Amino acid sequence: MTTPASSTPSLPILEFVLTNYKNFNARSTRDALLGYLRHIEAGGKMFWAVAGAMSSAQLGITLAPAIRAGLIHGLSVTGANLEESLFRLVAHDSYKDFPDYRYFTKEDDTKILEARMRRVTDTSIPEDEAFRAVEKYLVPMWTNASQRGERRFWHEYFYELVQTIGTELHQGNADECWLLAAAKAKLPIVVPGYEDSTFGNIFASHVKTGECSASIAKSGIEYMAHFYDQYQELSTGPGIGFFQIGGGIAGDFPICVVPSIKYDLDQPVKPWAYFCQISDSTTSYGSYSGATPNEKITWDKLTKETPMFVIESDATIVVPLILRALLECKQHPAEAKRLLTNFKG
């Protein structure tokens, strides 16, 4: 492989990747980045599916700027990632990190519980500053909607809340809140299985006590019915790609829109135009997270022509690199074009 001919200070991450990422997962990362860039430059769009605890891991540091830069055009996120982006905004200074978590005993984790913290690997969400603070605003939104007979998608409550809370409540950097960036951009979003989240549980408790009506939160079926039209709009022109972090419902729900439109609605539909999955789950029996992209061909989600990439690595390492390199290209297009012209992989 030929390395870039000259140093380009305005593109340090892109140049680093092109120069050093030659084999194994590094090559997959490089090729996925280049495929993403080619797709966007051709006028295509990109849809992201975000599982795991990426918001608690502060992925918003690069995800929010990417949304503002027009590099991301739709999202599927877990209910946890949705709410935890808001938690990071309002309670950032109260989070506590545990870099030695691998050596914790049950007694150590019991002490964290007694301190009203909820551990997420090496960091933790403060109950009072996050859950209870947000609850004061969100529950009245639900009760008001119940009284008025209004119905919204789950994310719409969070889109409104994150834009209406005062900046005096911000502990985190608002420029690093992907939820705020997505709300301002009115980004299409689906939140499948939102019941499996802290505020999904809180909502269920208020439904149980009769304070709220379950009907004020539109269902996952309604999300999919709405997503049919959103997908058709997003896939116009060169089409829309699928960039997936982790597995589970955040990825499986939206990618199924293509075969559902084709077979269930019996309508013409474009397949996904690009696919990349970042997961540390290796291929295994019956594991969606570990399924290879080729399997998706048999489900009519992808085709043999779809550019496909699998990166078996930690998304908190890989994704910021990819997004930062893409942002560099967006900010310095002429320099990026020269660098890529001289690159031979």
Protein backbone atom coordinates (compact mmCIF):
# COMPACT_ATOMS: atom_id res chain seq x y z
CA MET A 1 0.00 0.00 0.00
CA THR A 2 1.22 3.49 -0.79
CA THR A 3 1.15 5.91 2.13
CA PRO A 4 -0.02 9.51 1.69
CA ALA A 5 2.57 11.58 -0.16
CA SER A 6 2.67 14.53 2.23
CA SER A 7 1.58 15.58 5.66
CA THR A 8 -1.80 17.32 5.92
CA PRO A 9 -2.12 19.03 9.34
CA SER A 10 -5.82 19.74 8.79
CA LEU A 11 -6.56 16.00 8.39
CA PRO A 12 -4.56 14.32 11.17
CA ILE A 13 -7.01 11.48 11.89
CA LEU A 14 -7.74 10.68 8.25
CA GLU A 15 -4.05 10.65 7.44
CA PHE A 16 -3.33 8.49 10.49
CA VAL A 17 -5.95 5.93 9.45
CA LEU A 18 -4.77 5.81 5.83
CA THR A 19 -1.17 5.44 6.90
CA ASN A 20 -1.50 2.91 9.71
CA TYR A 21 -4.72 0.94 9.33
CA LYS A 22 -3.63 -1.80 6.94
CA ASN A 23 -4.85 -5.17 8.20
CA PHE A 24 -7.37 -7.00 10.35
CA ASN A 25 -9.94 -4.82 12.17
CA ALA A 26 -7.86 -1.76 11.33
CA ARG A 27 -8.34 -2.42 7.61
CA SER A 28 -12.08 -2.93 8.16
CA THR A 29 -12.21 0.41 9.99
CA ARG A 30 -10.38 2.17 7.17
CA ASP A 31 -12.50 0.61 4.45
CA ALA A 32 -15.75 1.35 6.32
CA LEU A 33 -14.65 4.97 6.68
CA LEU A 34 -13.83 5.28 2.99
CA GLY A 35 -17.10 3.59 2.01
CA TYR A 36 -19.03 5.97 4.25
CA LEU A 37 -17.23 8.95 2.73
CA ARG A 38 -17.87 7.80 -0.86
CA HIS A 39 -21.54 7.26 -0.11
CA ILE A 40 -21.99 10.72 1.43
CA GLU A 41 -20.00 12.43 -1.35
CA ALA A 42 -22.29 10.77 -3.91
CA GLY A 43 -25.28 12.41 -2.23
CA GLY A 44 -26.33 9.41 -0.15
CA LYS A 45 -27.57 9.47 3.43
CA MET A 46 -26.66 7.44 6.51
CA PHE A 47 -28.88 5.94 9.19
CA TRP A 48 -27.36 5.01 12.56
CA ALA A 49 -28.47 2.26 14.95
CA VAL A 50 -27.03 2.75 18.43
CA ALA A 51 -27.19 0.00 21.04
CA GLY A 52 -25.12 -0.52 24.16
CA ALA A 53 -24.40 2.26 26.64
CA MET A 54 -22.95 4.69 24.13
CA SER A 55 -24.53 7.80 25.65
CA SER A 56 -23.13 7.04 29.08
CA ALA A 57 -19.80 6.46 27.35
CA GLN A 58 -20.05 10.03 25.98
CA LEU A 59 -20.24 9.14 22.30
CA GLY A 60 -22.01 12.47 21.90
CA ILE A 61 -18.62 14.19 21.85
CA THR A 62 -18.29 13.17 18.19
CA LEU A 63 -21.87 12.09 17.41
CA ALA A 64 -23.39 15.53 18.05
CA PRO A 65 -20.98 17.40 15.72
CA ALA A 66 -21.55 14.73 13.06
CA ILE A 67 -25.31 15.31 13.23
CA ARG A 68 -24.80 19.07 12.93
CA ALA A 69 -22.46 18.52 9.98
CA GLY A 70 -25.08 16.53 8.07
CA LEU A 71 -23.22 13.23 8.28
CA ILE A 72 -26.09 11.41 10.01
CA HIS A 73 -29.65 11.53 8.67
CA GLY A 74 -31.65 9.26 10.96
CA LEU A 75 -31.30 7.24 14.16
CA SER A 76 -32.53 4.12 15.88
CA VAL A 77 -31.59 4.12 19.55
CA THR A 78 -32.50 2.22 22.65
CA GLY A 79 -34.61 3.99 25.25
CA ALA A 80 -31.56 3.90 27.50
CA ASN A 81 -29.33 5.74 25.02
CA LEU A 82 -32.07 8.31 24.46
CA GLU A 83 -32.48 9.18 28.12
CA GLU A 84 -28.81 8.83 29.00
CA SER A 85 -27.86 11.53 26.51
CA LEU A 86 -30.13 13.86 28.49
CA PHE A 87 -28.67 12.61 31.78
CA ARG A 88 -25.15 13.47 30.60
CA LEU A 89 -26.34 16.99 29.80
CA VAL A 90 -28.02 17.76 33.13
CA ALA A 91 -25.96 15.66 35.55
CA HIS A 92 -22.49 15.34 34.04
CA ASP A 93 -20.61 16.74 37.04
CA SER A 94 -22.27 14.24 39.37
CA TYR A 95 -21.17 11.14 37.47
CA LYS A 96 -18.50 9.03 39.13
CA ASP A 97 -16.02 6.82 37.29
CA PHE A 98 -14.73 3.44 38.44
CA PRO A 99 -11.63 2.57 36.38
CA ASP A 100 -10.93 -0.44 38.63
CA TYR A 101 -14.37 -1.98 38.12
CA ARG A 102 -12.89 -5.29 36.95
CA TYR A 103 -11.66 -5.94 40.47
CA PHE A 104 -14.88 -5.05 42.29
CA THR A 105 -16.52 -7.42 44.73
CA LYS A 106 -20.23 -7.71 45.35
CA GLU A 107 -19.69 -5.61 48.43
CA ASP A 108 -18.10 -2.85 46.33
CA ASP A 109 -21.12 -2.72 44.03
CA THR A 110 -23.46 -2.75 47.03
CA LYS A 111 -21.71 0.39 48.31
CA ILE A 112 -22.27 2.04 44.90
CA LEU A 113 -25.97 1.17 45.18
CA GLU A 114 -26.13 2.65 48.69
CA ALA A 115 -24.53 5.84 47.33
CA ARG A 116 -27.50 6.09 44.93
CA MET A 117 -25.36 5.52 41.87
CA ARG A 118 -26.08 3.12 39.02
CA ARG A 119 -22.86 1.65 37.56
CA VAL A 120 -22.48 1.27 33.78
CA THR A 121 -19.18 -0.57 33.36
CA ASP A 122 -16.56 2.01 34.45
CA THR A 123 -18.85 4.99 35.03
CA SER A 124 -22.12 5.55 36.87
CA ILE A 125 -25.35 7.51 36.59
CA PRO A 126 -26.32 9.53 39.68
CA GLU A 127 -29.90 8.70 40.60
CA ASP A 128 -30.90 11.99 42.20
CA GLU A 129 -29.17 14.34 39.76
CA ALA A 130 -30.23 12.35 36.67
CA PHE A 131 -33.31 10.14 37.10
CA ARG A 132 -35.09 12.19 39.74
CA ALA A 133 -34.16 15.57 38.30
CA VAL A 134 -35.48 14.67 34.83
CA GLU A 135 -38.53 12.99 36.34
CA LYS A 136 -39.68 16.37 37.70
CA TYR A 137 -40.07 17.64 34.14
CA LEU A 138 -41.04 14.54 32.19
CA VAL A 139 -43.84 13.21 34.39
CA PRO A 140 -45.86 16.47 34.17
CA MET A 141 -45.50 16.26 30.37
CA TRP A 142 -47.04 12.79 30.50
CA THR A 143 -49.87 13.78 32.84
CA ASN A 144 -50.69 16.84 30.75
CA ALA A 145 -50.74 14.71 27.60
CA SER A 146 -53.05 12.24 29.37
CA GLN A 147 -55.45 15.03 30.34
CA ARG A 148 -55.49 16.42 26.81
CA GLY A 149 -55.68 13.04 25.12
CA GLU A 150 -52.47 13.68 23.15
CA ARG A 151 -50.36 10.91 21.68
CA ARG A 152 -46.68 11.18 20.74
CA PHE A 153 -43.76 9.00 19.84
CA TRP A 154 -41.49 8.31 22.80
CA HIS A 155 -38.63 10.42 21.49
CA GLU A 156 -40.87 13.43 20.94
CA TYR A 157 -41.22 13.96 24.68
CA PHE A 158 -37.42 13.96 24.97
CA TYR A 159 -36.98 16.18 21.91
CA GLU A 160 -39.24 18.78 23.53
CA LEU A 161 -37.71 18.48 26.99
CA VAL A 162 -34.07 18.75 25.91
CA GLN A 163 -34.85 21.95 23.99
CA THR A 164 -36.93 23.60 26.72
CA ILE A 165 -34.83 23.11 29.84
CA GLY A 166 -32.79 26.19 30.66
CA THR A 167 -29.05 26.32 30.10
CA GLU A 168 -28.66 26.89 33.84
CA LEU A 169 -29.53 23.20 34.21
CA HIS A 170 -26.71 22.12 31.89
CA GLN A 171 -23.76 20.50 33.61
CA GLY A 172 -22.45 18.86 30.47
CA ASN A 173 -21.38 20.57 27.28
CA ALA A 174 -24.50 21.17 25.18
CA ASP A 175 -22.39 20.85 22.01
CA GLU A 176 -21.68 17.25 23.03
CA CYS A 177 -25.33 16.26 23.58
CA TRP A 178 -26.39 14.22 20.56
CA LEU A 179 -30.03 14.30 21.67
CA LEU A 180 -30.04 18.09 21.55
CA ALA A 181 -28.35 18.09 18.14
CA ALA A 182 -30.87 15.56 16.80
CA ALA A 183 -33.82 17.48 18.21
CA LYS A 184 -32.67 20.77 16.68
CA ALA A 185 -32.15 19.03 13.33
CA LYS A 186 -35.57 17.33 13.61
CA LEU A 187 -33.78 14.09 12.78
CA PRO A 188 -36.01 11.06 12.03
CA ILE A 189 -35.66 8.66 14.93
CA VAL A 190 -37.13 5.38 16.13
CA VAL A 191 -36.85 4.09 19.69
CA PRO A 192 -37.88 0.43 19.58
CA GLY A 193 -38.46 -1.31 22.89
CA TYR A 194 -38.35 1.93 24.85
CA GLU A 195 -40.21 0.15 27.67
CA ASP A 196 -36.85 -1.42 28.53
CA SER A 197 -35.35 1.76 29.97
CA THR A 198 -35.40 3.63 33.25
CA PHE A 199 -38.05 6.06 32.08
CA GLY A 200 -39.94 3.28 30.35
CA ASN A 201 -40.24 1.67 33.79
CA ILE A 202 -41.15 5.00 35.42
CA PHE A 203 -43.82 5.55 32.79
CA ALA A 204 -45.24 2.06 33.41
CA SER A 205 -45.50 2.81 37.12
CA HIS A 206 -47.52 5.96 36.45
CA VAL A 207 -49.76 4.01 34.09
CA LYS A 208 -50.27 1.40 36.81
CA THR A 209 -51.29 4.03 39.36
CA GLY A 210 -53.67 5.65 36.89
CA GLU A 211 -51.82 8.98 36.72
CA CYS A 212 -51.01 8.53 33.02
CA SER A 213 -52.62 6.80 30.09
CA ALA A 214 -50.49 4.21 28.30
CA SER A 215 -51.90 5.49 25.01
CA ILE A 216 -49.99 8.81 25.19
CA ALA A 217 -46.84 6.94 24.06
CA LYS A 218 -47.17 5.57 20.55
CA SER A 219 -46.24 1.92 20.16
CA GLY A 220 -43.39 0.20 18.39
CA ILE A 221 -45.83 -0.91 15.70
CA GLU A 222 -46.69 2.74 15.10
CA TYR A 223 -42.96 3.52 14.94
CA MET A 224 -42.55 0.99 12.14
CA ALA A 225 -45.66 2.17 10.27
CA HIS A 226 -44.29 5.73 10.41
CA PHE A 227 -40.80 4.56 9.45
CA TYR A 228 -42.08 3.06 6.19
CA ASP A 229 -42.62 6.56 4.78
CA GLN A 230 -39.47 7.97 6.39
CA TYR A 231 -37.36 5.24 4.80
CA GLN A 232 -38.81 5.80 1.35
CA GLU A 233 -38.00 9.50 1.64
CA LEU A 234 -34.50 8.95 3.03
CA SER A 235 -33.62 6.37 0.37
CA THR A 236 -34.26 8.62 -2.61
CA GLY A 237 -31.29 9.31 -4.88
CA PRO A 238 -28.19 7.26 -4.07
CA GLY A 239 -29.97 5.65 -1.13
CA ILE A 240 -29.35 5.41 2.58
CA GLY A 241 -26.73 3.36 4.38
CA PHE A 242 -26.94 1.56 7.71
CA PHE A 243 -24.29 2.13 10.37
CA GLN A 244 -24.82 -0.14 13.35
CA ILE A 245 -23.25 -0.12 16.80
CA GLY A 246 -23.85 -3.36 18.68
CA GLY A 247 -26.80 -5.67 18.11
CA GLY A 248 -30.25 -6.25 19.47
CA ILE A 249 -33.44 -4.35 18.77
CA ALA A 250 -31.80 -1.00 17.99
CA GLY A 251 -30.36 -2.57 14.83
CA ASP A 252 -32.81 -5.33 13.99
CA PHE A 253 -35.93 -3.14 14.17
CA PRO A 254 -35.04 -0.49 11.56
CA ILE A 255 -33.14 -2.72 9.14
CA CYS A 256 -36.30 -4.85 8.74
CA VAL A 257 -38.12 -1.94 7.12
CA VAL A 258 -36.85 -2.92 3.67
CA PRO A 259 -38.25 -6.48 3.48
CA SER A 260 -41.41 -5.33 5.24
CA ILE A 261 -42.11 -2.68 2.61
CA LYS A 262 -41.30 -5.17 -0.14
CA TYR A 263 -43.23 -8.19 1.12
CA ASP A 264 -45.80 -6.88 3.59
CA LEU A 265 -46.79 -3.65 1.85
CA ASP A 266 -46.01 -5.12 -1.57
CA GLN A 267 -44.38 -1.88 -2.66
CA PRO A 268 -41.09 -1.21 -4.50
CA VAL A 269 -38.26 -0.25 -2.19
CA LYS A 270 -34.53 0.35 -2.46
CA PRO A 271 -32.28 -1.90 -0.37
CA TRP A 272 -29.90 -0.38 2.15
CA ALA A 273 -27.04 1.18 0.19
CA TYR A 274 -24.22 0.52 2.69
CA PHE A 275 -23.80 -1.56 5.82
CA CYS A 276 -21.31 -1.41 8.66
CA GLN A 277 -21.54 -3.11 12.02
CA ILE A 278 -19.22 -2.43 14.92
CA SER A 279 -19.46 -5.03 17.63
CA ASP A 280 -17.16 -6.97 19.91
CA SER A 281 -19.45 -9.98 19.57
CA THR A 282 -17.87 -12.70 17.46
CA THR A 283 -19.87 -14.87 15.07
CA SER A 284 -21.84 -17.45 17.02
CA TYR A 285 -24.90 -19.65 16.80
CA GLY A 286 -28.11 -17.63 16.64
CA SER A 287 -26.50 -14.41 17.83
CA TYR A 288 -27.83 -11.34 16.02
CA SER A 289 -24.88 -9.30 17.26
CA GLY A 290 -22.51 -11.88 15.83
CA ALA A 291 -24.30 -12.54 12.55
CA THR A 292 -22.32 -11.75 9.41
CA PRO A 293 -23.83 -9.27 6.91
CA ASN A 294 -24.19 -12.05 4.33
CA GLU A 295 -26.97 -13.54 6.45
CA LYS A 296 -28.96 -10.35 5.87
CA ILE A 297 -28.95 -11.03 2.13
CA THR A 298 -31.17 -14.05 2.77
CA TRP A 299 -33.64 -11.77 4.58
CA ASP A 300 -33.64 -9.29 1.68
CA LYS A 301 -32.23 -6.49 3.83
CA LEU A 302 -28.97 -6.25 1.87
CA THR A 303 -27.88 -7.43 -1.57
CA LYS A 304 -24.66 -8.92 -2.89
CA GLU A 305 -23.80 -5.45 -4.27
CA THR A 306 -24.15 -3.67 -0.90
CA PRO A 307 -20.79 -2.48 0.50
CA MET A 308 -20.49 -4.42 3.77
CA PHE A 309 -18.08 -3.97 6.66
CA VAL A 310 -17.75 -5.70 10.02
CA ILE A 311 -15.46 -4.23 12.67
CA GLU A 312 -15.01 -6.52 15.66
CA SER A 313 -13.84 -3.97 18.17
CA ASP A 314 -14.92 -1.57 20.90
CA ALA A 315 -17.23 1.08 19.41
CA THR A 316 -16.03 3.64 21.95
CA ILE A 317 -12.60 3.41 20.29
CA VAL A 318 -13.58 2.99 16.65
CA VAL A 319 -16.56 5.33 16.23
CA PRO A 320 -14.85 8.53 17.41
CA LEU A 321 -12.02 7.86 14.96
CA ILE A 322 -14.39 7.36 12.05
CA LEU A 323 -16.52 10.38 12.90
CA ARG A 324 -13.54 12.65 13.50
CA ALA A 325 -12.04 11.67 10.16
CA LEU A 326 -15.38 12.30 8.43
CA LEU A 327 -15.65 15.70 10.12
CA GLU A 328 -12.16 16.57 8.92
CA CYS A 329 -13.19 15.74 5.36
CA LYS A 330 -16.32 17.83 5.74
CA GLN A 331 -14.33 20.81 7.04
CA HIS A 332 -11.45 20.51 4.55
CA PRO A 333 -12.89 18.93 1.38
CA ALA A 334 -10.13 20.07 -1.01
CA GLU A 335 -7.34 18.74 1.22
CA ALA A 336 -9.24 15.49 1.74
CA LYS A 337 -9.69 15.02 -1.99
CA ARG A 338 -5.94 15.48 -2.59
CA LEU A 339 -5.05 13.08 0.19
CA LEU A 340 -7.44 10.41 -1.02
CA THR A 341 -6.35 10.85 -4.65
CA ASN A 342 -2.78 10.00 -3.64
CA PHE A 343 -3.90 7.05 -1.54
CA LYS A 344 -3.76 3.57 -3.00
CA GLY A 345 -5.10 0.85 -0.76
